[in-house]
Each structure stands twice: as structure tokens, then as C-alpha cells.
Amino acid sequence: MTVYTLYFDGAFAPNPGSGAWGAVLFPGDRTAAGASASSSPSPIRDAVWVGGGLLGTGCTNNVAEYCGLIGGLRGAAATLRGASSGASLRIAGDSELVLGSIGGTRRTIAPRLQVLHAIATGLLTAFGAFSVGRVCREVNALADTLAVAALRSTPGEVPLLRPCLAGTARLTIGSVTTAASHDAMVVGGADGVCCLDSRYLCSLPRAAGGGLPAFGRLTPPPPHLVTVAGRGHRYAILGMLRLDVVVQLGGPPEAPCRVSSRVSFAVVDHLPVPAHIAFKDEALRGLGAGGIDMSGGGEVQEAFAPLV
């Protein structure tokens, strides 16, 4: 079985605050050589994959570290492709909490971290085997450098410009129906992207596609959709999920706008309240421009940024 070593780390400023992650994948087992502070970190030229990215604005140190592992696992699986099932992965980092929970020696209690733990364990099923090992910060310096560089980068965001759909939108998943204002939102209309709050997905019954097991089925978001932005904050996309849903937007009673099929959702780490939406479709723009009350104040922007 081919062996690879994955280093991961997170960065944040302040705590909680803006966050970012970094990870790097090396061929071979480098955890034994990197277990002491006197060992030199592996040079980046030896890596088979490096990655990093921005996270949301309500990011803690533990969230950043967990997202470093998640980003690294996604990068490793994509790099190895079909060969990942025959690979043994050595996971190395300096976070006792993340390594302990993944290794089964520590419980994950915080609800937000339980979601991230479910995503990470779901991604680990792509590999033939894995083990964890803690290394000192000096050995993990490359992953830390990637996280810090991502934290300082300019974010690519999908702006959310339209008012909340409070009282006019309904989302039905299985037998569960909710107002789609704070738990879900539509970005770009029927041909765009739907966003679903991670806490809401976790609260849905398993028969409706929800609960913690749903996070193990998440697929990576497309490269252009890494964060969404609203009311001056960024919110991390945890992954994509397809569900059997009915989404009905309000409007004239004689002509409601309804989407009924298997819909792809971007699962968002804690949606803003109130949620804002941007319409790409011309017909939906008219719906958003009238008959919907603002929730929470703020200026309605008339410009529509393209979803690229």
C-alpha cells in the first residue's frame, strides 16, 4: 500500500475572527522523522500537492485547524484520484483536539466541531488506511505558512445583495417544511446555487437526508464558490449536497415561483441572519424587487454582481 503524509494547519485573526487553512501532501511516511523539534521540515519541492484557502469570519482556532484537515483531505483525494483507495495516509499536525478526535482518543462535543468531524471522517473513507501523529509547530511550518498566506489573500466572494425572503419562502425537505429566510437561501435563481445552513441540515431527520451522516456525503464546492458574503462577513462553504426538495418562493398568488426536483445545495457554515440573496434570472429579479419586506434593515443594492 502506497504511503503519503498529510500536514495541515489553520490560521485566524483574532480568535474568533477571520480564518484560513493550509495543507501539504508528501509521498512516503514522514511522521517518524518529523516527530521532534530538531528534525527539519520537508521542503515544498518534494510535495505532490499544496493548498490553502479562506474561511468564514466567525472562525476559532479549532475550526481553522479542522478545516485545514478537511481541505487537505479533499486535496489529497483529488490528487490521488482513483488511487486513493489503495493509499495509506499519515495525518500530521499540531492540534491535539483534531488529531485526538480523528484518532478516536478524544470526544468532539461542540456542535460546530461535530459537523466538521463528520465531514473529515466521511472524506477519510476514500483512503485505504490512515493514522494520526502529532508534530511540533516547527515541523508543521509549511502548512502554517500556507494558512497564513491564505489569510492575507484577497477573497473571491459571491456577494449577497437582495433582501431576506422572510415570510415568503418555504423549503420542504422530506416531510420537514421551514421558512427559507434564515436556514436556506437562493443565490442566482433556479439555475444558480441554493445555500443551506449547516445547523439546519444537522437538525433534519436522516430520512429526509439530514443529520450528521449528511456531512459525510458532502462533495467539494466548485473552485469559484468557496465563500459567500453578506452584511460585511464571509461564510465558509463546507461542501455540496443534493437533496430531494421543494423550494417555493413567494410572489403573486396566481404565479408562485416553485422549484421541485433534486436540488444542489452549498452547505454553509452558519448562514447570516437575516440571509440576503442575489438573483441572476431576470424573472426572479422582478420578484425580489417588490413585495418583500426588508429584515434587519440595510440598503437594497440595485447592482447585480455576476456569479462566475
C-alpha atoms as a PDB file:
ATOM      1  CA  MET A   1       0.000   0.000   0.000  1.00  0.00           C
ATOM      2  CA  THR A   2       1.446   3.379  -1.052  1.00  0.00           C
ATOM      3  CA  VAL A   3       2.044   5.751   1.878  1.00  0.00           C
ATOM      4  CA  TYR A   4       1.577   9.535   1.912  1.00  0.00           C
ATOM      5  CA  THR A   5       1.927  12.127   4.672  1.00  0.00           C
ATOM      6  CA  LEU A   6      -0.532  14.997   5.016  1.00  0.00           C
ATOM      7  CA  TYR A   7       0.380  18.061   7.115  1.00  0.00           C
ATOM      8  CA  PHE A   8      -2.391  20.547   7.971  1.00  0.00           C
ATOM      9  CA  ASP A   9      -2.810  23.782   9.920  1.00  0.00           C
ATOM     10  CA  GLY A  10      -5.150  26.736  10.428  1.00  0.00           C
ATOM     11  CA  ALA A  11      -4.707  30.487  10.875  1.00  0.00           C
ATOM     12  CA  PHE A  12      -7.024  33.098  12.373  1.00  0.00           C
ATOM     13  CA  ALA A  13      -7.030  36.725  13.493  1.00  0.00           C
ATOM     14  CA  PRO A  14      -8.363  37.373  16.095  1.00  0.00           C
ATOM     15  CA  ASN A  15      -9.865  34.379  17.925  1.00  0.00           C
ATOM     16  CA  PRO A  16     -12.664  34.173  16.891  1.00  0.00           C
ATOM     17  CA  GLY A  17     -12.217  36.140  13.688  1.00  0.00           C
ATOM     18  CA  SER A  18     -11.221  35.719  10.050  1.00  0.00           C
ATOM     19  CA  GLY A  19      -9.793  32.280   9.339  1.00  0.00           C
ATOM     20  CA  ALA A  20      -7.827  30.343   6.742  1.00  0.00           C
ATOM     21  CA  TRP A  21      -6.354  26.889   6.260  1.00  0.00           C
ATOM     22  CA  GLY A  22      -3.263  25.326   4.723  1.00  0.00           C
ATOM     23  CA  ALA A  23      -2.198  21.762   3.955  1.00  0.00           C
ATOM     24  CA  VAL A  24       0.533  19.907   2.084  1.00  0.00           C
ATOM     25  CA  LEU A  25       0.835  16.292   0.897  1.00  0.00           C
ATOM     26  CA  PHE A  26       4.165  14.439   0.682  1.00  0.00           C
ATOM     27  CA  PRO A  27       4.999  10.986  -0.644  1.00  0.00           C
ATOM     28  CA  GLY A  28       6.149   8.455   1.956  1.00  0.00           C
ATOM     29  CA  ASP A  29       5.860   8.321   5.744  1.00  0.00           C
ATOM     30  CA  ARG A  30       7.434  11.470   7.157  1.00  0.00           C
ATOM     31  CA  THR A  31       5.828  11.430  10.600  1.00  0.00           C
ATOM     32  CA  ALA A  32       8.573   9.438  12.294  1.00  0.00           C
ATOM     33  CA  ALA A  33      11.316  11.753  11.041  1.00  0.00           C
ATOM     34  CA  GLY A  34       9.250  14.827  11.879  1.00  0.00           C
ATOM     35  CA  ALA A  35       8.316  13.923  15.434  1.00  0.00           C
ATOM     36  CA  SER A  36      10.949  16.074  17.146  1.00  0.00           C
ATOM     37  CA  ALA A  37      11.675  19.781  17.030  1.00  0.00           C
ATOM     38  CA  SER A  38      15.252  19.082  15.913  1.00  0.00           C
ATOM     39  CA  SER A  39      14.066  17.488  12.663  1.00  0.00           C
ATOM     40  CA  SER A  40      13.929  19.689   9.594  1.00  0.00           C
ATOM     41  CA  PRO A  41      10.563  20.188   7.854  1.00  0.00           C
ATOM     42  CA  SER A  42      10.254  18.728   4.393  1.00  0.00           C
ATOM     43  CA  PRO A  43      10.927  21.192   1.543  1.00  0.00           C
ATOM     44  CA  ILE A  44       7.958  22.223  -0.584  1.00  0.00           C
ATOM     45  CA  ARG A  45       9.657  20.965  -3.774  1.00  0.00           C
ATOM     46  CA  ASP A  46       9.108  17.404  -2.509  1.00  0.00           C
ATOM     47  CA  ALA A  47       5.345  17.875  -2.149  1.00  0.00           C
ATOM     48  CA  VAL A  48       2.864  16.251  -4.525  1.00  0.00           C
ATOM     49  CA  TRP A  49       0.142  18.775  -3.579  1.00  0.00           C
ATOM     50  CA  VAL A  50      -0.155  22.042  -1.623  1.00  0.00           C
ATOM     51  CA  GLY A  51      -3.297  24.028  -0.867  1.00  0.00           C
ATOM     52  CA  GLY A  52      -4.902  26.701   1.275  1.00  0.00           C
ATOM     53  CA  GLY A  53      -7.946  28.923   1.398  1.00  0.00           C
ATOM     54  CA  LEU A  54     -10.069  31.420   3.278  1.00  0.00           C
ATOM     55  CA  LEU A  55     -12.740  30.511   5.804  1.00  0.00           C
ATOM     56  CA  GLY A  56     -15.590  32.460   7.352  1.00  0.00           C
ATOM     57  CA  THR A  57     -15.316  35.420   9.695  1.00  0.00           C
ATOM     58  CA  GLY A  58     -16.588  33.673  12.839  1.00  0.00           C
ATOM     59  CA  CYS A  59     -13.617  31.307  12.866  1.00  0.00           C
ATOM     60  CA  THR A  60     -11.993  29.924  16.033  1.00  0.00           C
ATOM     61  CA  ASN A  61      -8.627  28.208  16.296  1.00  0.00           C
ATOM     62  CA  ASN A  62     -10.233  24.761  16.438  1.00  0.00           C
ATOM     63  CA  VAL A  63     -12.468  25.473  13.420  1.00  0.00           C
ATOM     64  CA  ALA A  64      -9.445  26.657  11.419  1.00  0.00           C
ATOM     65  CA  GLU A  65      -7.462  23.540  12.330  1.00  0.00           C
ATOM     66  CA  TYR A  66     -10.327  21.210  11.434  1.00  0.00           C
ATOM     67  CA  CYS A  67     -10.818  22.993   8.105  1.00  0.00           C
ATOM     68  CA  GLY A  68      -7.097  22.576   7.439  1.00  0.00           C
ATOM     69  CA  LEU A  69      -7.548  18.829   7.750  1.00  0.00           C
ATOM     70  CA  ILE A  70     -10.703  18.875   5.596  1.00  0.00           C
ATOM     71  CA  GLY A  71      -9.020  20.949   2.887  1.00  0.00           C
ATOM     72  CA  GLY A  72      -6.016  18.642   2.973  1.00  0.00           C
ATOM     73  CA  LEU A  73      -8.131  15.507   2.685  1.00  0.00           C
ATOM     74  CA  ARG A  74     -10.011  16.958  -0.272  1.00  0.00           C
ATOM     75  CA  GLY A  75      -6.749  17.933  -1.951  1.00  0.00           C
ATOM     76  CA  ALA A  76      -5.191  14.534  -1.321  1.00  0.00           C
ATOM     77  CA  ALA A  77      -8.229  12.653  -2.668  1.00  0.00           C
ATOM     78  CA  ALA A  78      -8.358  14.846  -5.783  1.00  0.00           C
ATOM     79  CA  THR A  79      -4.621  14.473  -6.411  1.00  0.00           C
ATOM     80  CA  LEU A  80      -4.550  10.709  -5.959  1.00  0.00           C
ATOM     81  CA  ARG A  81      -7.936  10.254  -7.678  1.00  0.00           C
ATOM     82  CA  GLY A  82      -8.762   6.559  -8.077  1.00  0.00           C
ATOM     83  CA  ALA A  83      -5.524   5.520  -6.376  1.00  0.00           C
ATOM     84  CA  SER A  84      -6.621   6.960  -3.014  1.00  0.00           C
ATOM     85  CA  SER A  85      -8.424   3.736  -2.059  1.00  0.00           C
ATOM     86  CA  GLY A  86      -5.081   1.956  -2.172  1.00  0.00           C
ATOM     87  CA  ALA A  87      -3.198   4.649  -0.253  1.00  0.00           C
ATOM     88  CA  SER A  88      -2.299   4.768   3.416  1.00  0.00           C
ATOM     89  CA  LEU A  89      -2.444   8.317   4.758  1.00  0.00           C
ATOM     90  CA  ARG A  90      -0.345   9.567   7.680  1.00  0.00           C
ATOM     91  CA  ILE A  91      -2.030  12.701   9.094  1.00  0.00           C
ATOM     92  CA  ALA A  92       0.333  15.085  10.883  1.00  0.00           C
ATOM     93  CA  GLY A  93      -0.419  18.363  12.661  1.00  0.00           C
ATOM     94  CA  ASP A  94      -0.020  20.231  15.943  1.00  0.00           C
ATOM     95  CA  SER A  95      -3.671  20.275  17.032  1.00  0.00           C
ATOM     96  CA  GLU A  96      -4.281  17.848  19.909  1.00  0.00           C
ATOM     97  CA  LEU A  97      -8.044  18.297  19.601  1.00  0.00           C
ATOM     98  CA  VAL A  98      -8.292  17.481  15.887  1.00  0.00           C
ATOM     99  CA  LEU A  99      -5.831  14.600  15.949  1.00  0.00           C
ATOM    100  CA  GLY A 100      -7.376  13.143  19.106  1.00  0.00           C
ATOM    101  CA  SER A 101     -10.911  13.245  17.741  1.00  0.00           C
ATOM    102  CA  ILE A 102      -9.926  11.797  14.358  1.00  0.00           C
ATOM    103  CA  GLY A 103      -7.798   9.133  16.047  1.00  0.00           C
ATOM    104  CA  GLY A 104     -10.648   8.164  18.384  1.00  0.00           C
ATOM    105  CA  THR A 105      -8.979   9.133  21.662  1.00  0.00           C
ATOM    106  CA  ARG A 106     -10.926  12.342  22.238  1.00  0.00           C
ATOM    107  CA  ARG A 107     -14.645  13.188  22.013  1.00  0.00           C
ATOM    108  CA  THR A 108     -15.927  16.052  19.875  1.00  0.00           C
ATOM    109  CA  ILE A 109     -18.506  17.921  21.972  1.00  0.00           C
ATOM    110  CA  ALA A 110     -19.093  21.346  20.377  1.00  0.00           C
ATOM    111  CA  PRO A 111     -21.902  21.102  17.756  1.00  0.00           C
ATOM    112  CA  ARG A 112     -19.951  23.096  15.168  1.00  0.00           C
ATOM    113  CA  LEU A 113     -16.923  20.823  15.554  1.00  0.00           C
ATOM    114  CA  GLN A 114     -19.146  17.736  15.357  1.00  0.00           C
ATOM    115  CA  VAL A 115     -20.154  18.864  11.869  1.00  0.00           C
ATOM    116  CA  LEU A 116     -16.530  19.312  10.814  1.00  0.00           C
ATOM    117  CA  HIS A 117     -15.622  15.955  12.368  1.00  0.00           C
ATOM    118  CA  ALA A 118     -18.373  14.271  10.332  1.00  0.00           C
ATOM    119  CA  ILE A 119     -17.055  15.849   7.123  1.00  0.00           C
ATOM    120  CA  ALA A 120     -13.477  14.768   7.867  1.00  0.00           C
ATOM    121  CA  THR A 121     -14.425  11.182   8.725  1.00  0.00           C
ATOM    122  CA  GLY A 122     -16.530  10.999   5.570  1.00  0.00           C
ATOM    123  CA  LEU A 123     -13.557  12.103   3.471  1.00  0.00           C
ATOM    124  CA  LEU A 124     -11.275   9.570   5.160  1.00  0.00           C
ATOM    125  CA  THR A 125     -13.327   6.711   3.718  1.00  0.00           C
ATOM    126  CA  ALA A 126     -11.716   7.490   0.333  1.00  0.00           C
ATOM    127  CA  PHE A 127      -8.388   6.131   1.618  1.00  0.00           C
ATOM    128  CA  GLY A 128      -7.355   2.549   2.256  1.00  0.00           C
ATOM    129  CA  ALA A 129      -5.993   3.304   5.720  1.00  0.00           C
ATOM    130  CA  PHE A 130      -4.935   6.241   7.871  1.00  0.00           C
ATOM    131  CA  SER A 131      -3.115   7.048  11.081  1.00  0.00           C
ATOM    132  CA  VAL A 132      -2.511  10.264  13.028  1.00  0.00           C
ATOM    133  CA  GLY A 133       0.603  11.701  14.651  1.00  0.00           C
ATOM    134  CA  ARG A 134       1.292  14.986  16.413  1.00  0.00           C
ATOM    135  CA  VAL A 135       4.334  17.023  15.348  1.00  0.00           C
ATOM    136  CA  CYS A 136       5.778  20.247  16.720  1.00  0.00           C
ATOM    137  CA  ARG A 137       4.987  23.630  15.157  1.00  0.00           C
ATOM    138  CA  GLU A 138       8.459  23.881  13.621  1.00  0.00           C
ATOM    139  CA  VAL A 139       7.939  20.695  11.627  1.00  0.00           C
ATOM    140  CA  ASN A 140       4.442  21.861  10.654  1.00  0.00           C
ATOM    141  CA  ALA A 141       5.779  25.248   9.492  1.00  0.00           C
ATOM    142  CA  LEU A 142       4.963  24.742   5.799  1.00  0.00           C
ATOM    143  CA  ALA A 143       1.258  24.095   6.405  1.00  0.00           C
ATOM    144  CA  ASP A 144       1.196  27.067   8.781  1.00  0.00           C
ATOM    145  CA  THR A 145       2.832  29.298   6.141  1.00  0.00           C
ATOM    146  CA  LEU A 146       0.207  28.287   3.578  1.00  0.00           C
ATOM    147  CA  ALA A 147      -2.605  29.096   6.027  1.00  0.00           C
ATOM    148  CA  VAL A 148      -1.157  32.498   6.905  1.00  0.00           C
ATOM    149  CA  ALA A 149      -0.663  33.329   3.205  1.00  0.00           C
ATOM    150  CA  ALA A 150      -4.304  32.443   2.510  1.00  0.00           C
ATOM    151  CA  LEU A 151      -5.442  34.616   5.429  1.00  0.00           C
ATOM    152  CA  ARG A 152      -3.677  37.601   3.865  1.00  0.00           C
ATOM    153  CA  SER A 153      -5.012  36.981   0.357  1.00  0.00           C
ATOM    154  CA  THR A 154      -7.854  38.825  -1.345  1.00  0.00           C
ATOM    155  CA  PRO A 155     -11.049  36.774  -1.055  1.00  0.00           C
ATOM    156  CA  GLY A 156     -13.094  35.723  -4.054  1.00  0.00           C
ATOM    157  CA  GLU A 157     -16.698  36.029  -2.917  1.00  0.00           C
ATOM    158  CA  VAL A 158     -20.269  35.688  -4.133  1.00  0.00           C
ATOM    159  CA  PRO A 159     -21.986  38.880  -2.959  1.00  0.00           C
ATOM    160  CA  LEU A 160     -25.469  38.550  -1.488  1.00  0.00           C
ATOM    161  CA  LEU A 161     -27.306  41.706  -2.433  1.00  0.00           C
ATOM    162  CA  ARG A 162     -31.058  41.247  -2.083  1.00  0.00           C
ATOM    163  CA  PRO A 163     -33.300  41.384   0.975  1.00  0.00           C
ATOM    164  CA  CYS A 164     -34.325  38.455   3.129  1.00  0.00           C
ATOM    165  CA  LEU A 165     -37.235  36.325   1.918  1.00  0.00           C
ATOM    166  CA  ALA A 166     -38.757  36.165   5.420  1.00  0.00           C
ATOM    167  CA  GLY A 167     -42.385  35.100   5.337  1.00  0.00           C
ATOM    168  CA  THR A 168     -42.471  34.472   1.580  1.00  0.00           C
ATOM    169  CA  ALA A 169     -40.272  31.423   1.007  1.00  0.00           C
ATOM    170  CA  ARG A 170     -40.784  27.821   2.069  1.00  0.00           C
ATOM    171  CA  LEU A 171     -38.304  24.981   1.850  1.00  0.00           C
ATOM    172  CA  THR A 172     -39.559  21.389   2.136  1.00  0.00           C
ATOM    173  CA  ILE A 173     -37.097  18.519   2.607  1.00  0.00           C
ATOM    174  CA  GLY A 174     -38.857  15.205   3.062  1.00  0.00           C
ATOM    175  CA  SER A 175     -41.716  15.995   5.414  1.00  0.00           C
ATOM    176  CA  VAL A 176     -39.978  18.979   7.040  1.00  0.00           C
ATOM    177  CA  THR A 177     -41.010  22.468   5.951  1.00  0.00           C
ATOM    178  CA  THR A 178     -39.386  25.692   7.110  1.00  0.00           C
ATOM    179  CA  ALA A 179     -39.219  29.361   6.216  1.00  0.00           C
ATOM    180  CA  ALA A 180     -36.247  29.670   3.884  1.00  0.00           C
ATOM    181  CA  SER A 181     -35.168  33.022   5.227  1.00  0.00           C
ATOM    182  CA  HIS A 182     -32.605  32.076   7.842  1.00  0.00           C
ATOM    183  CA  ASP A 183     -31.995  28.412   7.126  1.00  0.00           C
ATOM    184  CA  ALA A 184     -31.684  28.493   3.347  1.00  0.00           C
ATOM    185  CA  MET A 185     -31.337  30.993   0.543  1.00  0.00           C
ATOM    186  CA  VAL A 186     -31.200  31.005  -3.223  1.00  0.00           C
ATOM    187  CA  VAL A 187     -28.219  32.540  -4.990  1.00  0.00           C
ATOM    188  CA  GLY A 188     -28.654  33.145  -8.705  1.00  0.00           C
ATOM    189  CA  GLY A 189     -32.166  31.759  -9.071  1.00  0.00           C
ATOM    190  CA  ALA A 190     -33.176  28.320 -10.311  1.00  0.00           C
ATOM    191  CA  ASP A 191     -30.056  27.993 -12.459  1.00  0.00           C
ATOM    192  CA  GLY A 192     -27.743  29.137  -9.703  1.00  0.00           C
ATOM    193  CA  VAL A 193     -26.945  27.822  -6.258  1.00  0.00           C
ATOM    194  CA  CYS A 194     -29.026  27.156  -3.156  1.00  0.00           C
ATOM    195  CA  CYS A 195     -27.381  27.573   0.235  1.00  0.00           C
ATOM    196  CA  LEU A 196     -28.347  25.563   3.316  1.00  0.00           C
ATOM    197  CA  ASP A 197     -27.292  26.325   6.876  1.00  0.00           C
ATOM    198  CA  SER A 198     -25.176  23.585   8.468  1.00  0.00           C
ATOM    199  CA  ARG A 199     -27.123  23.712  11.737  1.00  0.00           C
ATOM    200  CA  TYR A 200     -30.410  23.279   9.881  1.00  0.00           C
ATOM    201  CA  LEU A 201     -29.106  20.347   7.831  1.00  0.00           C
ATOM    202  CA  CYS A 202     -27.890  18.713  11.040  1.00  0.00           C
ATOM    203  CA  SER A 203     -31.368  19.106  12.611  1.00  0.00           C
ATOM    204  CA  LEU A 204     -33.208  17.424   9.716  1.00  0.00           C
ATOM    205  CA  PRO A 205     -34.180  13.754  10.174  1.00  0.00           C
ATOM    206  CA  ARG A 206     -31.983  11.202   8.472  1.00  0.00           C
ATOM    207  CA  ALA A 207     -34.920  10.003   6.383  1.00  0.00           C
ATOM    208  CA  ALA A 208     -35.019  13.483   4.831  1.00  0.00           C
ATOM    209  CA  GLY A 209     -31.286  13.417   4.078  1.00  0.00           C
ATOM    210  CA  GLY A 210     -30.189  15.323   7.177  1.00  0.00           C
ATOM    211  CA  GLY A 211     -28.352  14.691  10.419  1.00  0.00           C
ATOM    212  CA  LEU A 212     -24.611  14.271  10.945  1.00  0.00           C
ATOM    213  CA  PRO A 213     -24.331  11.475   8.320  1.00  0.00           C
ATOM    214  CA  ALA A 214     -25.237  14.045   5.651  1.00  0.00           C
ATOM    215  CA  PHE A 215     -21.913  15.815   6.189  1.00  0.00           C
ATOM    216  CA  GLY A 216     -20.005  12.664   5.341  1.00  0.00           C
ATOM    217  CA  ARG A 217     -21.657  12.747   1.900  1.00  0.00           C
ATOM    218  CA  LEU A 218     -20.614  16.314   1.067  1.00  0.00           C
ATOM    219  CA  THR A 219     -18.620  16.837  -2.107  1.00  0.00           C
ATOM    220  CA  PRO A 220     -16.156  19.729  -2.517  1.00  0.00           C
ATOM    221  CA  PRO A 221     -17.569  23.051  -3.732  1.00  0.00           C
ATOM    222  CA  PRO A 222     -16.518  24.285  -7.178  1.00  0.00           C
ATOM    223  CA  PRO A 223     -13.357  26.426  -7.128  1.00  0.00           C
ATOM    224  CA  HIS A 224     -15.274  29.675  -7.736  1.00  0.00           C
ATOM    225  CA  LEU A 225     -17.645  29.052  -4.821  1.00  0.00           C
ATOM    226  CA  VAL A 226     -15.562  28.873  -1.671  1.00  0.00           C
ATOM    227  CA  THR A 227     -17.228  31.552   0.450  1.00  0.00           C
ATOM    228  CA  VAL A 228     -20.393  33.606   0.347  1.00  0.00           C
ATOM    229  CA  ALA A 229     -20.510  37.152   1.650  1.00  0.00           C
ATOM    230  CA  GLY A 230     -23.258  39.180   3.239  1.00  0.00           C
ATOM    231  CA  ARG A 231     -23.526  42.170   5.568  1.00  0.00           C
ATOM    232  CA  GLY A 232     -19.753  42.557   5.616  1.00  0.00           C
ATOM    233  CA  HIS A 233     -18.945  38.979   6.605  1.00  0.00           C
ATOM    234  CA  ARG A 234     -17.713  35.822   4.881  1.00  0.00           C
ATOM    235  CA  TYR A 235     -19.274  32.416   5.418  1.00  0.00           C
ATOM    236  CA  ALA A 236     -17.433  29.230   4.518  1.00  0.00           C
ATOM    237  CA  ILE A 237     -18.895  26.676   2.101  1.00  0.00           C
ATOM    238  CA  LEU A 238     -18.440  23.276   3.761  1.00  0.00           C
ATOM    239  CA  GLY A 239     -19.398  21.300   0.655  1.00  0.00           C
ATOM    240  CA  MET A 240     -22.141  20.445  -1.839  1.00  0.00           C
ATOM    241  CA  LEU A 241     -25.101  18.118  -1.297  1.00  0.00           C
ATOM    242  CA  ARG A 242     -28.033  17.020  -3.500  1.00  0.00           C
ATOM    243  CA  LEU A 243     -31.426  16.530  -1.839  1.00  0.00           C
ATOM    244  CA  ASP A 244     -34.987  15.849  -2.914  1.00  0.00           C
ATOM    245  CA  VAL A 245     -36.588  19.185  -2.071  1.00  0.00           C
ATOM    246  CA  VAL A 246     -39.376  21.576  -2.899  1.00  0.00           C
ATOM    247  CA  VAL A 247     -38.461  25.262  -2.740  1.00  0.00           C
ATOM    248  CA  GLN A 248     -41.296  27.768  -3.176  1.00  0.00           C
ATOM    249  CA  LEU A 249     -40.629  31.483  -3.388  1.00  0.00           C
ATOM    250  CA  GLY A 250     -43.456  33.912  -2.723  1.00  0.00           C
ATOM    251  CA  GLY A 251     -44.804  36.486  -5.124  1.00  0.00           C
ATOM    252  CA  PRO A 252     -48.209  36.873  -6.793  1.00  0.00           C
ATOM    253  CA  PRO A 253     -50.566  34.111  -5.571  1.00  0.00           C
ATOM    254  CA  GLU A 254     -51.534  33.325  -9.143  1.00  0.00           C
ATOM    255  CA  ALA A 255     -47.920  32.814 -10.200  1.00  0.00           C
ATOM    256  CA  PRO A 256     -45.718  31.462  -7.378  1.00  0.00           C
ATOM    257  CA  CYS A 257     -42.138  30.606  -8.255  1.00  0.00           C
ATOM    258  CA  ARG A 258     -41.501  26.967  -7.410  1.00  0.00           C
ATOM    259  CA  VAL A 259     -38.535  24.643  -7.781  1.00  0.00           C
ATOM    260  CA  SER A 260     -39.308  20.968  -7.309  1.00  0.00           C
ATOM    261  CA  SER A 261     -36.615  18.392  -8.058  1.00  0.00           C
ATOM    262  CA  ARG A 262     -33.268  17.205  -6.788  1.00  0.00           C
ATOM    263  CA  VAL A 263     -31.523  20.440  -5.905  1.00  0.00           C
ATOM    264  CA  SER A 264     -27.822  21.000  -5.268  1.00  0.00           C
ATOM    265  CA  PHE A 265     -27.160  22.871  -2.041  1.00  0.00           C
ATOM    266  CA  ALA A 266     -23.994  24.582  -0.901  1.00  0.00           C
ATOM    267  CA  VAL A 267     -23.873  23.797   2.814  1.00  0.00           C
ATOM    268  CA  VAL A 268     -22.784  26.981   4.593  1.00  0.00           C
ATOM    269  CA  ASP A 269     -21.082  27.184   7.969  1.00  0.00           C
ATOM    270  CA  HIS A 270     -23.605  29.346   9.891  1.00  0.00           C
ATOM    271  CA  LEU A 271     -25.646  31.437   7.470  1.00  0.00           C
ATOM    272  CA  PRO A 272     -26.112  35.113   8.326  1.00  0.00           C
ATOM    273  CA  VAL A 273     -29.345  36.212   9.949  1.00  0.00           C
ATOM    274  CA  PRO A 274     -31.026  37.690   8.063  1.00  0.00           C
ATOM    275  CA  ALA A 275     -29.857  35.964   4.916  1.00  0.00           C
ATOM    276  CA  HIS A 276     -29.524  38.012   1.745  1.00  0.00           C
ATOM    277  CA  ILE A 277     -29.856  36.719  -1.789  1.00  0.00           C
ATOM    278  CA  ALA A 278     -28.762  37.737  -5.281  1.00  0.00           C
ATOM    279  CA  PHE A 279     -30.906  36.992  -8.341  1.00  0.00           C
ATOM    280  CA  LYS A 280     -29.336  36.152 -11.674  1.00  0.00           C
ATOM    281  CA  ASP A 281     -32.512  35.179 -13.521  1.00  0.00           C
ATOM    282  CA  GLU A 282     -34.474  38.140 -14.947  1.00  0.00           C
ATOM    283  CA  ALA A 283     -37.854  36.775 -13.852  1.00  0.00           C
ATOM    284  CA  LEU A 284     -36.656  36.313 -10.295  1.00  0.00           C
ATOM    285  CA  ARG A 285     -35.179  39.802 -10.187  1.00  0.00           C
ATOM    286  CA  GLY A 286     -38.664  41.235 -10.507  1.00  0.00           C
ATOM    287  CA  LEU A 287     -39.826  39.030  -7.660  1.00  0.00           C
ATOM    288  CA  GLY A 288     -37.026  40.249  -5.441  1.00  0.00           C
ATOM    289  CA  ALA A 289     -37.618  43.894  -6.295  1.00  0.00           C
ATOM    290  CA  GLY A 290     -41.165  44.079  -4.937  1.00  0.00           C
ATOM    291  CA  GLY A 291     -43.445  42.714  -2.275  1.00  0.00           C
ATOM    292  CA  ILE A 292     -40.716  41.541   0.080  1.00  0.00           C
ATOM    293  CA  ASP A 293     -40.042  43.381   3.313  1.00  0.00           C
ATOM    294  CA  MET A 294     -36.517  44.063   4.474  1.00  0.00           C
ATOM    295  CA  SER A 295     -35.489  42.108   7.559  1.00  0.00           C
ATOM    296  CA  GLY A 296     -32.956  43.689   9.814  1.00  0.00           C
ATOM    297  CA  GLY A 297     -32.526  46.920   7.879  1.00  0.00           C
ATOM    298  CA  GLY A 298     -29.806  47.807   5.429  1.00  0.00           C
ATOM    299  CA  GLU A 299     -29.747  49.268   1.966  1.00  0.00           C
ATOM    300  CA  VAL A 300     -31.006  47.256  -1.008  1.00  0.00           C
ATOM    301  CA  GLN A 301     -28.324  47.329  -3.685  1.00  0.00           C
ATOM    302  CA  GLU A 302     -29.642  47.565  -7.225  1.00  0.00           C
ATOM    303  CA  ALA A 303     -26.474  46.224  -8.849  1.00  0.00           C
ATOM    304  CA  PHE A 304     -26.322  42.528  -9.625  1.00  0.00           C
ATOM    305  CA  ALA A 305     -22.891  41.007  -9.479  1.00  0.00           C
ATOM    306  CA  PRO A 306     -22.416  38.110 -11.914  1.00  0.00           C
ATOM    307  CA  LEU A 307     -21.955  34.638 -10.479  1.00  0.00           C
ATOM    308  CA  VAL A 308     -18.722  33.458 -12.063  1.00  0.00           C
END
